């Protein structure tokens, strides 16, 4: 049972379950920022470039 669940999880998430860094999470951050705007929490649609300095975006 546990082995089956582990195999299924690995199939879905591959080897990098929790990726680090902005580049690795760009799609998730972009989705968050889109939802943030759609829910009226920001006046304009923000991007990763708006909220992170270049040094962090390249890390």
C-alpha atoms as a PDB file:
ATOM      1  CA  UNK A   1       0.000   0.000   0.000  1.00  0.00           C
ATOM      2  CA  UNK A   2       2.631   2.543   1.043  1.00  0.00           C
ATOM      3  CA  UNK A   3       4.887   1.445  -1.794  1.00  0.00           C
ATOM      4  CA  UNK A   4       2.062   1.951  -4.284  1.00  0.00           C
ATOM      5  CA  UNK A   5       1.326   5.429  -2.914  1.00  0.00           C
ATOM      6  CA  UNK A   6       5.011   6.319  -3.008  1.00  0.00           C
ATOM      7  CA  UNK A   7       5.317   5.156  -6.613  1.00  0.00           C
ATOM      8  CA  UNK A   8       2.246   7.174  -7.592  1.00  0.00           C
ATOM      9  CA  UNK A   9       3.590  10.280  -5.855  1.00  0.00           C
ATOM     10  CA  UNK A  10       6.944   9.892  -7.555  1.00  0.00           C
ATOM     11  CA  UNK A  11       5.227   9.512 -10.921  1.00  0.00           C
ATOM     12  CA  UNK A  12       3.295  12.746 -10.368  1.00  0.00           C
ATOM     13  CA  UNK A  13       6.087  14.860  -8.877  1.00  0.00           C
ATOM     14  CA  UNK A  14       9.224  13.251 -10.348  1.00  0.00           C
ATOM     15  CA  UNK A  15      12.389  13.514  -8.269  1.00  0.00           C
ATOM     16  CA  UNK A  16      12.131  17.207  -7.367  1.00  0.00           C
ATOM     17  CA  UNK A  17       9.076  17.317  -5.109  1.00  0.00           C
ATOM     18  CA  UNK A  18       9.691  20.790  -3.704  1.00  0.00           C
ATOM     19  CA  UNK A  19      11.821  22.784  -6.139  1.00  0.00           C
ATOM     20  CA  UNK A  20      13.735  25.777  -4.807  1.00  0.00           C
ATOM     21  CA  UNK A  21      14.278  29.103  -6.490  1.00  0.00           C
ATOM     22  CA  UNK A  22      12.211  31.517  -8.497  1.00  0.00           C
ATOM     23  CA  UNK A  23      12.975  29.985 -11.893  1.00  0.00           C
ATOM     24  CA  UNK A  24      11.873  26.539 -10.727  1.00  0.00           C
ATOM     25  CA  UNK A  25       8.641  27.966  -9.296  1.00  0.00           C
ATOM     26  CA  UNK A  26       7.916  30.614 -11.923  1.00  0.00           C
ATOM     27  CA  UNK A  27       4.649  29.006 -13.083  1.00  0.00           C
ATOM     28  CA  UNK A  28       3.324  28.709  -9.521  1.00  0.00           C
ATOM     29  CA  UNK A  29       4.335  32.258  -8.622  1.00  0.00           C
ATOM     30  CA  UNK A  30       2.766  33.550 -11.836  1.00  0.00           C
ATOM     31  CA  UNK A  31      -0.497  31.738 -11.046  1.00  0.00           C
ATOM     32  CA  UNK A  32      -0.487  33.201  -7.521  1.00  0.00           C
ATOM     33  CA  UNK A  33       0.036  36.708  -8.905  1.00  0.00           C
ATOM     34  CA  UNK A  34      -2.763  36.215 -11.439  1.00  0.00           C
ATOM     35  CA  UNK A  35      -5.171  35.089  -8.701  1.00  0.00           C
ATOM     36  CA  UNK A  36      -4.024  38.012  -6.556  1.00  0.00           C
ATOM     37  CA  UNK A  37      -5.030  40.444  -9.302  1.00  0.00           C
ATOM     38  CA  UNK A  38      -8.263  38.634 -10.232  1.00  0.00           C
ATOM     39  CA  UNK A  39      -9.414  38.775  -6.614  1.00  0.00           C
ATOM     40  CA  UNK A  40      -8.829  42.520  -6.479  1.00  0.00           C
ATOM     41  CA  UNK A  41      -5.883  42.341  -4.105  1.00  0.00           C
ATOM     42  CA  UNK A  42      -3.625  44.350  -6.426  1.00  0.00           C
ATOM     43  CA  UNK A  43      -4.446  47.225  -8.746  1.00  0.00           C
ATOM     44  CA  UNK A  44      -2.542  45.707 -11.658  1.00  0.00           C
ATOM     45  CA  UNK A  45      -1.320  42.311 -12.800  1.00  0.00           C
ATOM     46  CA  UNK A  46       2.114  41.863 -11.227  1.00  0.00           C
ATOM     47  CA  UNK A  47       4.892  39.694 -12.648  1.00  0.00           C
ATOM     48  CA  UNK A  48       7.903  37.984 -11.106  1.00  0.00           C
ATOM     49  CA  UNK A  49       9.985  40.810 -12.522  1.00  0.00           C
ATOM     50  CA  UNK A  50       7.888  43.285 -10.518  1.00  0.00           C
ATOM     51  CA  UNK A  51       8.314  41.600  -7.161  1.00  0.00           C
ATOM     52  CA  UNK A  52      11.826  40.103  -7.255  1.00  0.00           C
ATOM     53  CA  UNK A  53      15.123  41.899  -7.805  1.00  0.00           C
ATOM     54  CA  UNK A  54      17.200  40.558 -10.726  1.00  0.00           C
ATOM     55  CA  UNK A  55      19.739  38.935  -8.404  1.00  0.00           C
ATOM     56  CA  UNK A  56      17.027  36.708  -6.922  1.00  0.00           C
ATOM     57  CA  UNK A  57      15.351  35.918 -10.237  1.00  0.00           C
ATOM     58  CA  UNK A  58      18.618  34.550 -11.585  1.00  0.00           C
ATOM     59  CA  UNK A  59      19.402  32.448  -8.504  1.00  0.00           C
END
